PDB file of all heavy atoms in Angstrom:
ATOM      1  N   GLU A   1      -5.940  40.292 161.701  1.00  0.00           N
ATOM      2  CA  GLU A   1      -6.042  40.560 160.266  1.00  0.00           C
ATOM      3  C   GLU A   1      -5.961  39.279 159.439  1.00  0.00           C
ATOM      4  O   GLU A   1      -6.747  39.089 158.506  1.00  0.00           O
ATOM      5  CB  GLU A   1      -4.943  41.528 159.824  1.00  0.00           C
ATOM      6  CG  GLU A   1      -5.137  42.936 160.336  1.00  0.00           C
ATOM      7  CD  GLU A   1      -3.923  43.826 160.100  1.00  0.00           C
ATOM      8  OE1 GLU A   1      -2.773  43.327 160.105  1.00  0.00           O
ATOM      9  OE2 GLU A   1      -4.146  45.037 159.912  1.00  0.00           O
ATOM     10  N   ILE A   2      -5.048  38.388 159.780  1.00  0.00           N
ATOM     11  CA  ILE A   2      -4.908  37.157 159.008  1.00  0.00           C
ATOM     12  C   ILE A   2      -6.118  36.256 159.220  1.00  0.00           C
ATOM     13  O   ILE A   2      -6.612  35.626 158.277  1.00  0.00           O
ATOM     14  CB  ILE A   2      -3.575  36.420 159.290  1.00  0.00           C
ATOM     15  CG1 ILE A   2      -3.330  35.296 158.279  1.00  0.00           C
ATOM     16  CG2 ILE A   2      -3.513  35.851 160.675  1.00  0.00           C
ATOM     17  CD1 ILE A   2      -2.991  35.749 156.910  1.00  0.00           C
ATOM     18  N   ILE A   3      -6.633  36.209 160.441  1.00  0.00           N
ATOM     19  CA  ILE A   3      -7.828  35.412 160.714  1.00  0.00           C
ATOM     20  C   ILE A   3      -9.003  35.920 159.893  1.00  0.00           C
ATOM     21  O   ILE A   3      -9.727  35.138 159.265  1.00  0.00           O
ATOM     22  CB  ILE A   3      -8.145  35.411 162.226  1.00  0.00           C
ATOM     23  CG1 ILE A   3      -7.134  34.515 162.952  1.00  0.00           C
ATOM     24  CG2 ILE A   3      -9.578  34.968 162.500  1.00  0.00           C
ATOM     25  CD1 ILE A   3      -7.200  34.599 164.464  1.00  0.00           C
ATOM     26  N   GLU A   4      -9.207  37.227 159.879  1.00  0.00           N
ATOM     27  CA  GLU A   4     -10.313  37.798 159.116  1.00  0.00           C
ATOM     28  C   GLU A   4     -10.150  37.540 157.612  1.00  0.00           C
ATOM     29  O   GLU A   4     -11.123  37.250 156.924  1.00  0.00           O
ATOM     30  CB  GLU A   4     -10.456  39.297 159.394  1.00  0.00           C
ATOM     31  CG  GLU A   4     -11.026  39.594 160.753  1.00  0.00           C
ATOM     32  CD  GLU A   4     -12.345  38.879 161.016  1.00  0.00           C
ATOM     33  OE1 GLU A   4     -13.260  38.941 160.163  1.00  0.00           O
ATOM     34  OE2 GLU A   4     -12.461  38.234 162.080  1.00  0.00           O
ATOM     35  N   GLU A   5      -8.928  37.641 157.116  1.00  0.00           N
ATOM     36  CA  GLU A   5      -8.712  37.390 155.689  1.00  0.00           C
ATOM     37  C   GLU A   5      -9.027  35.947 155.328  1.00  0.00           C
ATOM     38  O   GLU A   5      -9.679  35.679 154.320  1.00  0.00           O
ATOM     39  CB  GLU A   5      -7.291  37.732 155.263  1.00  0.00           C
ATOM     40  CG  GLU A   5      -7.075  37.367 153.810  1.00  0.00           C
ATOM     41  CD  GLU A   5      -5.921  38.043 153.151  1.00  0.00           C
ATOM     42  OE1 GLU A   5      -5.588  39.188 153.510  1.00  0.00           O
ATOM     43  OE2 GLU A   5      -5.362  37.423 152.250  1.00  0.00           O
ATOM     44  N   ILE A   6      -8.553  35.008 156.135  1.00  0.00           N
ATOM     45  CA  ILE A   6      -8.816  33.593 155.853  1.00  0.00           C
ATOM     46  C   ILE A   6     -10.321  33.328 155.853  1.00  0.00           C
ATOM     47  O   ILE A   6     -10.844  32.666 154.953  1.00  0.00           O
ATOM     48  CB  ILE A   6      -8.090  32.682 156.861  1.00  0.00           C
ATOM     49  CG1 ILE A   6      -6.572  32.788 156.669  1.00  0.00           C
ATOM     50  CG2 ILE A   6      -8.549  31.225 156.704  1.00  0.00           C
ATOM     51  CD1 ILE A   6      -5.753  32.171 157.793  1.00  0.00           C
ATOM     52  N   LYS A   7     -11.026  33.858 156.848  1.00  0.00           N
ATOM     53  CA  LYS A   7     -12.481  33.662 156.905  1.00  0.00           C
ATOM     54  C   LYS A   7     -13.180  34.332 155.728  1.00  0.00           C
ATOM     55  O   LYS A   7     -14.150  33.793 155.203  1.00  0.00           O
ATOM     56  CB  LYS A   7     -13.035  34.169 158.236  1.00  0.00           C
ATOM     57  CG  LYS A   7     -12.609  33.275 159.389  1.00  0.00           C
ATOM     58  CD  LYS A   7     -13.181  33.583 160.761  1.00  0.00           C
ATOM     59  CE  LYS A   7     -13.726  34.904 161.055  1.00  0.00           C
ATOM     60  NZ  LYS A   7     -14.093  35.107 162.470  1.00  0.00           N
ATOM     61  N   PHE A   8     -12.695  35.488 155.293  1.00  0.00           N
ATOM     62  CA  PHE A   8     -13.319  36.207 154.178  1.00  0.00           C
ATOM     63  C   PHE A   8     -13.063  35.493 152.848  1.00  0.00           C
ATOM     64  O   PHE A   8     -13.970  35.306 152.051  1.00  0.00           O
ATOM     65  CB  PHE A   8     -12.780  37.642 154.114  1.00  0.00           C
ATOM     66  CG  PHE A   8     -13.326  38.428 152.960  1.00  0.00           C
ATOM     67  CD1 PHE A   8     -14.615  38.933 152.995  1.00  0.00           C
ATOM     68  CD2 PHE A   8     -12.548  38.666 151.842  1.00  0.00           C
ATOM     69  CE1 PHE A   8     -15.132  39.648 151.920  1.00  0.00           C
ATOM     70  CE2 PHE A   8     -13.047  39.381 150.764  1.00  0.00           C
ATOM     71  CZ  PHE A   8     -14.344  39.879 150.802  1.00  0.00           C
ATOM     72  N   VAL A   9     -11.817  35.088 152.613  1.00  0.00           N
ATOM     73  CA  VAL A   9     -11.453  34.472 151.336  1.00  0.00           C
ATOM     74  C   VAL A   9     -11.948  33.025 151.266  1.00  0.00           C
ATOM     75  O   VAL A   9     -12.392  32.573 150.214  1.00  0.00           O
ATOM     76  CB  VAL A   9      -9.931  34.536 151.108  1.00  0.00           C
ATOM     77  CG1 VAL A   9      -9.511  33.768 149.876  1.00  0.00           C
ATOM     78  CG2 VAL A   9      -9.466  35.994 151.017  1.00  0.00           C
ATOM     79  N   TYR A  10     -11.872  32.305 152.380  1.00  0.00           N
ATOM     80  CA  TYR A  10     -12.287  30.902 152.405  1.00  0.00           C
ATOM     81  C   TYR A  10     -13.503  30.765 153.315  1.00  0.00           C
ATOM     82  O   TYR A  10     -14.588  31.139 152.935  1.00  0.00           O
ATOM     83  CB  TYR A  10     -11.117  30.006 152.840  1.00  0.00           C
ATOM     84  CG  TYR A  10      -9.985  30.047 151.826  1.00  0.00           C
ATOM     85  CD1 TYR A  10      -8.878  30.867 152.019  1.00  0.00           C
ATOM     86  CD2 TYR A  10     -10.048  29.290 150.663  1.00  0.00           C
ATOM     87  CE1 TYR A  10      -7.856  30.920 151.078  1.00  0.00           C
ATOM     88  CE2 TYR A  10      -9.036  29.336 149.716  1.00  0.00           C
ATOM     89  CZ  TYR A  10      -7.941  30.155 149.937  1.00  0.00           C
ATOM     90  OH  TYR A  10      -6.938  30.219 148.998  1.00  0.00           O
ATOM     91  N   ASP A  11     -13.322  30.239 154.489  1.00  0.00           N
ATOM     92  CA  ASP A  11     -14.402  30.121 155.462  1.00  0.00           C
ATOM     93  C   ASP A  11     -13.809  29.748 156.819  1.00  0.00           C
ATOM     94  O   ASP A  11     -12.608  29.547 156.946  1.00  0.00           O
ATOM     95  CB  ASP A  11     -15.456  29.098 155.028  1.00  0.00           C
ATOM     96  CG  ASP A  11     -14.867  27.722 154.738  1.00  0.00           C
ATOM     97  OD1 ASP A  11     -13.856  27.345 155.363  1.00  0.00           O
ATOM     98  OD2 ASP A  11     -15.418  27.022 153.874  1.00  0.00           O
ATOM     99  N   GLU A  12     -14.684  29.650 157.824  1.00  0.00           N
ATOM    100  CA  GLU A  12     -14.195  29.360 159.171  1.00  0.00           C
ATOM    101  C   GLU A  12     -13.638  27.940 159.289  1.00  0.00           C
ATOM    102  O   GLU A  12     -12.685  27.706 160.035  1.00  0.00           O
ATOM    103  CB  GLU A  12     -15.302  29.581 160.206  1.00  0.00           C
ATOM    104  CG  GLU A  12     -14.763  29.556 161.608  1.00  0.00           C
ATOM    105  CD  GLU A  12     -15.539  30.437 162.564  1.00  0.00           C
ATOM    106  OE1 GLU A  12     -16.390  31.225 162.123  1.00  0.00           O
ATOM    107  OE2 GLU A  12     -15.265  30.329 163.759  1.00  0.00           O
ATOM    108  N   ASP A  13     -14.201  26.997 158.551  1.00  0.00           N
ATOM    109  CA  ASP A  13     -13.672  25.628 158.576  1.00  0.00           C
ATOM    110  C   ASP A  13     -12.225  25.596 158.075  1.00  0.00           C
ATOM    111  O   ASP A  13     -11.381  24.888 158.638  1.00  0.00           O
ATOM    112  CB  ASP A  13     -14.527  24.688 157.728  1.00  0.00           C
ATOM    113  CG  ASP A  13     -15.872  24.383 158.378  1.00  0.00           C
ATOM    114  OD1 ASP A  13     -15.987  24.518 159.612  1.00  0.00           O
ATOM    115  OD2 ASP A  13     -16.805  24.003 157.637  1.00  0.00           O
ATOM    116  N   THR A  14     -11.943  26.351 157.033  1.00  0.00           N
ATOM    117  CA  THR A  14     -10.573  26.422 156.517  1.00  0.00           C
ATOM    118  C   THR A  14      -9.658  27.018 157.565  1.00  0.00           C
ATOM    119  O   THR A  14      -8.556  26.517 157.795  1.00  0.00           O
ATOM    120  CB  THR A  14     -10.522  27.247 155.219  1.00  0.00           C
ATOM    121  OG1 THR A  14     -11.380  26.632 154.249  1.00  0.00           O
ATOM    122  CG2 THR A  14      -9.108  27.343 154.681  1.00  0.00           C
ATOM    123  N   LEU A  15     -10.118  28.082 158.214  1.00  0.00           N
ATOM    124  CA  LEU A  15      -9.332  28.695 159.288  1.00  0.00           C
ATOM    125  C   LEU A  15      -8.993  27.661 160.358  1.00  0.00           C
ATOM    126  O   LEU A  15      -7.835  27.522 160.746  1.00  0.00           O
ATOM    127  CB  LEU A  15     -10.084  29.870 159.918  1.00  0.00           C
ATOM    128  CG  LEU A  15      -9.476  30.433 161.198  1.00  0.00           C
ATOM    129  CD1 LEU A  15      -8.102  31.038 160.931  1.00  0.00           C
ATOM    130  CD2 LEU A  15     -10.409  31.442 161.823  1.00  0.00           C
ATOM    131  N   ILE A  16      -9.982  26.930 160.796  1.00  0.00           N
ATOM    132  CA  ILE A  16      -9.770  25.930 161.841  1.00  0.00           C
ATOM    133  C   ILE A  16      -8.760  24.882 161.386  1.00  0.00           C
ATOM    134  O   ILE A  16      -7.873  24.490 162.145  1.00  0.00           O
ATOM    135  CB  ILE A  16     -11.106  25.286 162.252  1.00  0.00           C
ATOM    136  CG1 ILE A  16     -11.952  26.326 162.984  1.00  0.00           C
ATOM    137  CG2 ILE A  16     -10.886  24.044 163.113  1.00  0.00           C
ATOM    138  CD1 ILE A  16     -13.403  25.940 163.189  1.00  0.00           C
ATOM    139  N   ASN A  17      -8.866  24.458 160.130  1.00  0.00           N
ATOM    140  CA  ASN A  17      -7.936  23.460 159.595  1.00  0.00           C
ATOM    141  C   ASN A  17      -6.511  23.986 159.471  1.00  0.00           C
ATOM    142  O   ASN A  17      -5.561  23.195 159.477  1.00  0.00           O
ATOM    143  CB  ASN A  17      -8.409  22.943 158.247  1.00  0.00           C
ATOM    144  CG  ASN A  17      -9.618  22.054 158.375  1.00  0.00           C
ATOM    145  OD1 ASN A  17      -9.808  21.376 159.363  1.00  0.00           O
ATOM    146  ND2 ASN A  17     -10.462  22.075 157.360  1.00  0.00           N
ATOM    147  N   LEU A  18      -6.346  25.297 159.351  1.00  0.00           N
ATOM    148  CA  LEU A  18      -5.018  25.876 159.186  1.00  0.00           C
ATOM    149  C   LEU A  18      -4.338  26.223 160.512  1.00  0.00           C
ATOM    150  O   LEU A  18      -3.123  26.421 160.541  1.00  0.00           O
ATOM    151  CB  LEU A  18      -5.113  27.147 158.319  1.00  0.00           C
ATOM    152  CG  LEU A  18      -5.509  26.908 156.871  1.00  0.00           C
ATOM    153  CD1 LEU A  18      -5.715  28.253 156.170  1.00  0.00           C
ATOM    154  CD2 LEU A  18      -4.476  26.070 156.141  1.00  0.00           C
ATOM    155  N   ILE A  19      -5.099  26.264 161.587  1.00  0.00           N
ATOM    156  CA  ILE A  19      -4.508  26.583 162.898  1.00  0.00           C
ATOM    157  C   ILE A  19      -3.613  25.424 163.319  1.00  0.00           C
ATOM    158  O   ILE A  19      -4.066  24.276 163.346  1.00  0.00           O
ATOM    159  CB  ILE A  19      -5.606  26.862 163.937  1.00  0.00           C
ATOM    160  CG1 ILE A  19      -6.390  28.112 163.530  1.00  0.00           C
ATOM    161  CG2 ILE A  19      -5.022  27.012 165.345  1.00  0.00           C
ATOM    162  CD1 ILE A  19      -7.617  28.386 164.373  1.00  0.00           C
ATOM    163  N   PRO A  20      -2.347  25.712 163.639  1.00  0.00           N
ATOM    164  CA  PRO A  20      -1.407  24.620 163.968  1.00  0.00           C
ATOM    165  C   PRO A  20      -1.890  23.670 165.051  1.00  0.00           C
ATOM    166  O   PRO A  20      -1.752  22.465 164.935  1.00  0.00           O
ATOM    167  CB  PRO A  20      -0.144  25.361 164.410  1.00  0.00           C
ATOM    168  CG  PRO A  20      -0.228  26.687 163.729  1.00  0.00           C
ATOM    169  CD  PRO A  20      -1.693  27.012 163.661  1.00  0.00           C
ATOM    170  N   GLU A  21      -2.497  24.174 166.118  1.00  0.00           N
ATOM    171  CA  GLU A  21      -2.972  23.308 167.205  1.00  0.00           C
ATOM    172  C   GLU A  21      -4.028  22.345 166.703  1.00  0.00           C
ATOM    173  O   GLU A  21      -4.073  21.200 167.097  1.00  0.00           O
ATOM    174  CB  GLU A  21      -3.526  24.117 168.388  1.00  0.00           C
ATOM    175  CG  GLU A  21      -2.496  24.936 169.114  1.00  0.00           C
ATOM    176  CD  GLU A  21      -2.185  26.254 168.425  1.00  0.00           C
ATOM    177  OE1 GLU A  21      -3.022  26.800 167.696  1.00  0.00           O
ATOM    178  OE2 GLU A  21      -1.050  26.743 168.598  1.00  0.00           O
ATOM    179  N   ALA A  22      -4.904  22.807 165.818  1.00  0.00           N
ATOM    180  CA  ALA A  22      -5.957  21.951 165.284  1.00  0.00           C
ATOM    181  C   ALA A  22      -5.354  20.835 164.427  1.00  0.00           C
ATOM    182  O   ALA A  22      -5.817  19.704 164.459  1.00  0.00           O
ATOM    183  CB  ALA A  22      -6.953  22.773 164.462  1.00  0.00           C
ATOM    184  N   LYS A  23      -4.307  21.132 163.670  1.00  0.00           N
ATOM    185  CA  LYS A  23      -3.652  20.114 162.850  1.00  0.00           C
ATOM    186  C   LYS A  23      -3.008  19.057 163.734  1.00  0.00           C
ATOM    187  O   LYS A  23      -3.025  17.879 163.401  1.00  0.00           O
ATOM    188  CB  LYS A  23      -2.613  20.751 161.934  1.00  0.00           C
ATOM    189  CG  LYS A  23      -3.221  21.562 160.830  1.00  0.00           C
ATOM    190  CD  LYS A  23      -2.155  22.004 159.873  1.00  0.00           C
ATOM    191  CE  LYS A  23      -2.707  21.772 158.508  1.00  0.00           C
ATOM    192  NZ  LYS A  23      -1.766  21.800 157.456  1.00  0.00           N
ATOM    193  N   GLU A  24      -2.407  19.460 164.853  1.00  0.00           N
ATOM    194  CA  GLU A  24      -1.768  18.499 165.753  1.00  0.00           C
ATOM    195  C   GLU A  24      -2.800  17.560 166.352  1.00  0.00           C
ATOM    196  O   GLU A  24      -2.531  16.388 166.567  1.00  0.00           O
ATOM    197  CB  GLU A  24      -1.016  19.240 166.857  1.00  0.00           C
ATOM    198  CG  GLU A  24       0.226  19.957 166.370  1.00  0.00           C
ATOM    199  CD  GLU A  24       0.887  20.806 167.439  1.00  0.00           C
ATOM    200  OE1 GLU A  24       0.505  20.679 168.624  1.00  0.00           O
ATOM    201  OE2 GLU A  24       1.760  21.597 167.087  1.00  0.00           O
TER     202      GLU A  24
END
């Protein structure tokens, strides 16, 4: 649900940037 909301409200790039592993 949270993944779908982030992609709907923002986009997939934002989702990727918010994933903790990607930030590390």
